[in-house]
Protein backbone atom coordinates (compact mmCIF):
# COMPACT_ATOMS: atom_id res chain seq x y z
CA MET A 1 252.34 147.02 158.08
CA ARG A 2 255.74 148.62 158.63
CA ALA A 3 254.50 151.80 156.99
CA ALA A 4 251.49 151.86 159.31
CA ILE A 5 253.71 151.37 162.36
CA ALA A 6 255.95 154.17 161.17
CA VAL A 7 252.97 156.54 160.80
CA ILE A 8 251.73 155.64 164.29
CA SER A 9 255.21 156.20 165.73
CA VAL A 10 255.50 159.62 164.11
CA GLY A 11 252.08 160.55 165.50
CA LEU A 12 253.09 159.51 169.01
CA VAL A 13 256.28 161.57 168.77
CA ALA A 14 254.30 164.59 167.58
CA VAL A 15 251.91 164.31 170.51
CA GLY A 16 254.76 163.89 172.99
CA CYS A 17 256.60 166.93 171.64
CA SER A 18 253.56 169.22 171.33
CA THR A 19 253.98 172.75 172.66
CA PRO A 20 251.43 174.35 175.01
CA LYS A 21 248.81 176.69 173.60
CA VAL A 22 248.71 180.19 175.02
CA LYS A 23 246.20 182.98 175.62
CA LEU A 24 246.69 186.72 175.22
CA ASP A 25 244.11 187.70 177.81
CA GLU A 26 244.94 190.30 180.43
CA GLY A 27 243.91 190.53 184.04
CA PRO A 28 245.40 189.68 187.45
CA ARG A 29 247.37 186.49 188.03
CA GLU A 30 248.07 184.56 191.22
CA TYR A 31 251.64 183.45 190.59
CA VAL A 32 254.35 182.73 193.12
CA ALA A 33 258.07 182.91 192.39
CA THR A 34 258.39 179.16 191.81
CA ASP A 35 255.87 179.35 188.93
CA TYR A 36 258.30 181.28 186.75
CA GLU A 37 260.03 178.31 185.11
CA THR A 38 256.69 176.84 184.01
CA VAL A 39 255.42 180.15 182.63
CA LEU A 40 258.74 180.75 180.85
CA LYS A 41 258.44 177.36 179.16
CA ASN A 42 254.88 178.10 178.06
CA TRP A 43 255.92 181.30 176.31
CA THR A 44 259.22 180.08 174.81
CA ARG A 45 259.75 178.43 171.44
CA ASP A 46 262.89 176.85 170.01
CA LYS A 47 263.90 175.72 166.52
CA GLN A 48 266.97 174.51 164.67
CA PHE A 49 267.29 174.97 160.92
CA THR A 50 269.55 172.62 159.00
CA ASN A 51 270.63 173.24 155.42
CA VAL A 52 270.27 169.85 153.75
CA ASN A 53 272.70 170.84 151.00
CA VAL A 54 275.60 171.04 153.43
CA MET A 55 274.00 169.01 156.26
CA ASP A 56 274.90 171.68 158.77
CA ASN A 57 272.88 173.46 161.43
CA VAL A 58 272.87 177.04 160.13
CA LEU A 59 270.46 178.58 162.62
CA SER A 60 269.45 177.74 166.20
CA VAL A 61 266.99 180.23 167.66
CA THR A 62 265.05 180.44 170.92
CA ALA A 63 262.56 183.18 171.69
CA THR A 64 260.25 184.13 174.54
CA TYR A 65 257.18 186.26 173.87
CA GLU A 66 256.97 188.75 176.72
CA SER A 67 253.20 188.63 177.08
CA TRP A 68 251.02 190.01 179.88
CA ASP A 69 251.02 186.56 181.48
CA PHE A 70 254.79 186.15 181.20
CA ARG A 71 255.52 189.62 182.56
CA TRP A 72 253.36 189.03 185.62
CA ALA A 73 255.28 185.84 186.47
CA TYR A 74 258.60 187.54 185.73
CA VAL A 75 257.90 190.46 188.08
CA VAL A 76 256.83 188.08 190.86
CA ARG A 77 260.06 186.09 190.51
CA TYR A 78 262.27 189.19 190.14
CA SER A 79 260.66 190.86 193.16
CA GLU A 80 261.27 187.75 195.26
CA ASP A 81 264.89 187.44 194.17
CA TYR A 82 265.70 191.10 194.76
CA ARG A 83 263.55 191.41 197.88
CA LEU A 84 261.61 194.38 196.55
CA THR A 85 259.15 196.20 198.75
CA ILE A 86 255.43 196.04 197.96
CA ASP A 87 255.54 199.56 196.50
CA GLN A 88 258.57 198.73 194.36
CA ARG A 89 256.93 195.56 193.11
CA HIS A 90 253.72 197.41 192.24
CA THR A 91 255.64 200.10 190.31
CA LEU A 92 257.66 197.50 188.40
CA LEU A 93 254.54 195.50 187.53
CA GLU A 94 252.66 198.56 186.27
CA ARG A 95 255.59 199.65 184.11
CA SER A 96 256.10 196.17 182.67
CA LEU A 97 252.43 195.57 181.88
CA SER A 98 252.08 198.97 180.22
CA GLU A 99 254.69 197.89 177.67
CA VAL A 100 252.36 195.10 176.52
CA ARG A 101 249.90 197.71 175.29
CA ASP A 102 252.67 199.58 173.44
CA GLY A 103 253.84 196.67 171.31
CA HIS A 104 254.86 193.03 171.02
CA GLN A 105 258.27 192.25 172.47
CA PHE A 106 260.36 189.10 172.22
CA TYR A 107 263.57 188.08 173.91
CA VAL A 108 265.59 186.26 171.23
CA SER A 109 268.74 184.19 171.58
CA LEU A 110 270.32 182.67 168.50
CA TYR A 111 273.36 180.85 167.19
CA THR A 112 274.37 180.78 163.53
CA GLN A 113 276.86 178.80 161.50
CA LYS A 114 279.12 181.84 161.16
CA HIS A 115 279.46 184.32 164.02
CA LYS A 116 279.01 187.40 161.80
CA TRP A 117 275.60 186.04 160.77
CA ASN A 118 274.44 186.34 164.39
CA ASP A 119 273.82 190.09 164.19
CA LEU A 120 270.17 190.92 163.50
CA THR A 121 271.05 194.63 163.67
CA ALA A 122 273.60 194.51 160.82
CA LYS A 123 273.04 196.79 157.81
CA GLU A 124 272.66 193.71 155.62
CA PRO A 125 271.80 190.92 158.08
CA ALA A 126 272.08 187.27 157.13
CA TRP A 127 268.67 186.74 158.74
CA ILE A 128 265.69 189.08 158.85
CA VAL A 129 262.89 188.59 161.37
CA ARG A 130 259.18 189.22 160.88
CA LEU A 131 256.09 188.92 163.09
CA ILE A 132 253.54 186.71 161.31
CA ASP A 133 250.12 185.14 161.90
CA ASP A 134 247.83 182.67 160.18
CA GLU A 135 245.77 185.50 158.66
CA GLY A 136 248.69 186.42 156.41
CA THR A 137 249.81 189.47 158.41
CA GLU A 138 253.57 190.11 158.25
CA THR A 139 255.28 192.95 160.12
CA ALA A 140 258.86 194.21 160.32
CA PRO A 141 260.34 195.07 163.73
CA SER A 142 260.02 198.60 165.05
CA GLN A 143 263.22 198.08 167.05
CA ILE A 144 265.92 195.45 167.50
CA GLU A 145 268.05 195.97 170.59
CA SER A 146 271.28 194.01 170.78
CA ILE A 147 272.24 192.79 174.25
CA ARG A 148 275.99 192.82 173.78
CA LYS A 149 276.99 191.32 177.11
CA PRO A 150 274.16 189.37 178.73
CA GLY A 151 274.47 189.65 182.50
CA ALA A 152 273.06 187.90 185.54
CA ILE A 153 269.47 188.87 184.69
CA GLU A 154 269.55 187.42 181.16
CA LEU A 155 271.46 184.30 182.18
CA THR A 156 269.12 183.63 185.11
CA TYR A 157 265.69 184.52 183.75
CA PHE A 158 266.36 183.37 180.18
CA PRO A 159 268.61 180.36 180.88
CA TYR A 160 268.94 179.39 177.22
CA THR A 161 271.23 182.42 176.90
CA THR A 162 274.86 181.27 176.52
CA PRO A 163 278.24 182.86 175.65
CA TRP A 164 278.00 181.25 172.20
CA ARG A 165 274.67 182.84 171.36
CA SER A 166 273.71 186.41 170.54
CA ALA A 167 270.82 187.97 172.47
CA PHE A 168 268.32 190.58 171.33
CA ARG A 169 265.07 192.22 172.29
CA VAL A 170 262.92 192.48 169.20
CA SER A 171 259.91 194.80 169.31
CA PHE A 172 256.97 195.11 166.92
CA PRO A 173 254.14 197.67 166.82
CA ARG A 174 250.67 196.53 167.83
CA VAL A 175 249.10 198.35 164.88
CA ARG A 176 250.40 198.61 161.31
CA ALA A 177 250.54 201.84 159.31
CA ASP A 178 247.32 200.85 157.54
CA GLY A 179 245.51 200.56 160.89
CA ARG A 180 245.37 196.77 161.01
CA PRO A 181 246.64 194.96 164.13
CA THR A 182 249.94 193.19 163.65
CA ILE A 183 248.39 190.07 165.18
CA ALA A 184 244.98 189.80 163.55
CA SER A 185 242.01 189.66 165.92
CA ALA A 186 240.89 186.39 164.32
CA ALA A 187 244.35 184.79 164.38
CA ARG A 188 244.65 181.24 165.67
CA TRP A 189 248.44 181.51 165.95
CA PHE A 190 251.24 184.06 165.66
CA GLY A 191 254.96 183.65 165.33
CA LEU A 192 258.40 184.84 164.29
CA ARG A 193 259.84 184.06 160.87
CA PHE A 194 263.60 184.13 160.37
CA ALA A 195 264.46 184.21 156.67
CA GLY A 196 267.65 184.55 154.66
CA ALA A 197 269.68 183.16 151.78
CA GLN A 198 270.02 179.83 153.62
CA GLY A 199 266.24 179.36 153.91
CA TYR A 200 263.76 180.20 156.65
CA GLU A 201 262.43 178.95 159.97
CA GLU A 202 259.35 179.86 162.00
CA LEU A 203 258.62 179.86 165.72
CA ILE A 204 254.88 179.48 166.34
CA TRP A 205 252.72 180.28 169.35
CA GLU A 206 249.33 178.60 168.99
CA LEU A 207 246.43 180.29 170.72
CA GLY A 208 244.03 178.37 172.96
CA ASP A 209 241.19 176.40 171.39
CA GLU A 210 238.47 178.58 172.90
CA THR A 211 239.70 182.02 171.87
CA THR A 212 241.42 183.98 169.12
CA ALA A 213 243.98 186.77 169.54
CA SER A 214 241.19 189.22 170.38
CA GLY A 215 239.87 186.98 173.15
CA GLU A 216 236.71 186.25 171.19
CA PRO A 217 235.43 182.68 170.74
CA ALA A 218 237.26 181.00 167.87
CA PRO A 219 235.16 179.85 164.90
CA ARG A 220 234.64 176.13 164.75
CA VAL A 221 236.57 174.43 161.98
CA SER A 222 235.28 171.12 160.69
CA GLN A 223 237.91 168.42 160.68
CA PRO A 224 238.46 166.49 157.43
CA ALA A 225 237.69 162.79 157.55
CA ALA A 226 240.68 160.55 158.10
CA PRO A 227 241.93 158.98 154.84
CA ARG A 228 241.15 155.31 154.38
CA VAL A 229 244.07 152.92 154.17
CA ALA A 230 243.63 149.84 152.07
CA ALA A 231 244.35 146.61 153.97
CA ARG A 232 247.00 144.32 152.57
């Protein structure tokens, strides 16, 4: 009975802590400035990796995928804060959305057990980052830009940025050298994998039930029957 209660409790916790599914579709949005915090949360993932051998938190990482949807909300909020004109807002939005078609970009903030391990741009980094999906695609970054001194913009629009964390913009190509997309068209999720000598951790963005990364209807997957539990 206690085991059954424990299983139920774990299930309830999992449901309560579930992250929102996202969609990679393009098109106009009808956001207002106050929507930004909600959209930011939808596109942000956070993980802590603990090495059980030393019982220490060796990696805390938070990342926001700067999708079409996120960028639209960001520009609306930024334009409101900086009181941009309609023309300035339109120019900023066009430039930001065009970057979506050039590649996949993530804002990453991380904290490691040792400060020198924070640098993803080091010649021999303690942690390497890869773009992954459930189709087995794995891609190295095309660029990692270190944000040495995060300013008002980073601290305001990415509030998980702190003086104790290192911040980066990590970019990946949309298409691999072999011509395959870096997020497969049939993918049901994509993510970032941080791997090193201490182990690895993954941040996952699940795509909506109705569509895959290409926007096409997702294939139906039959669910396995629930295992029977013998009564005592």
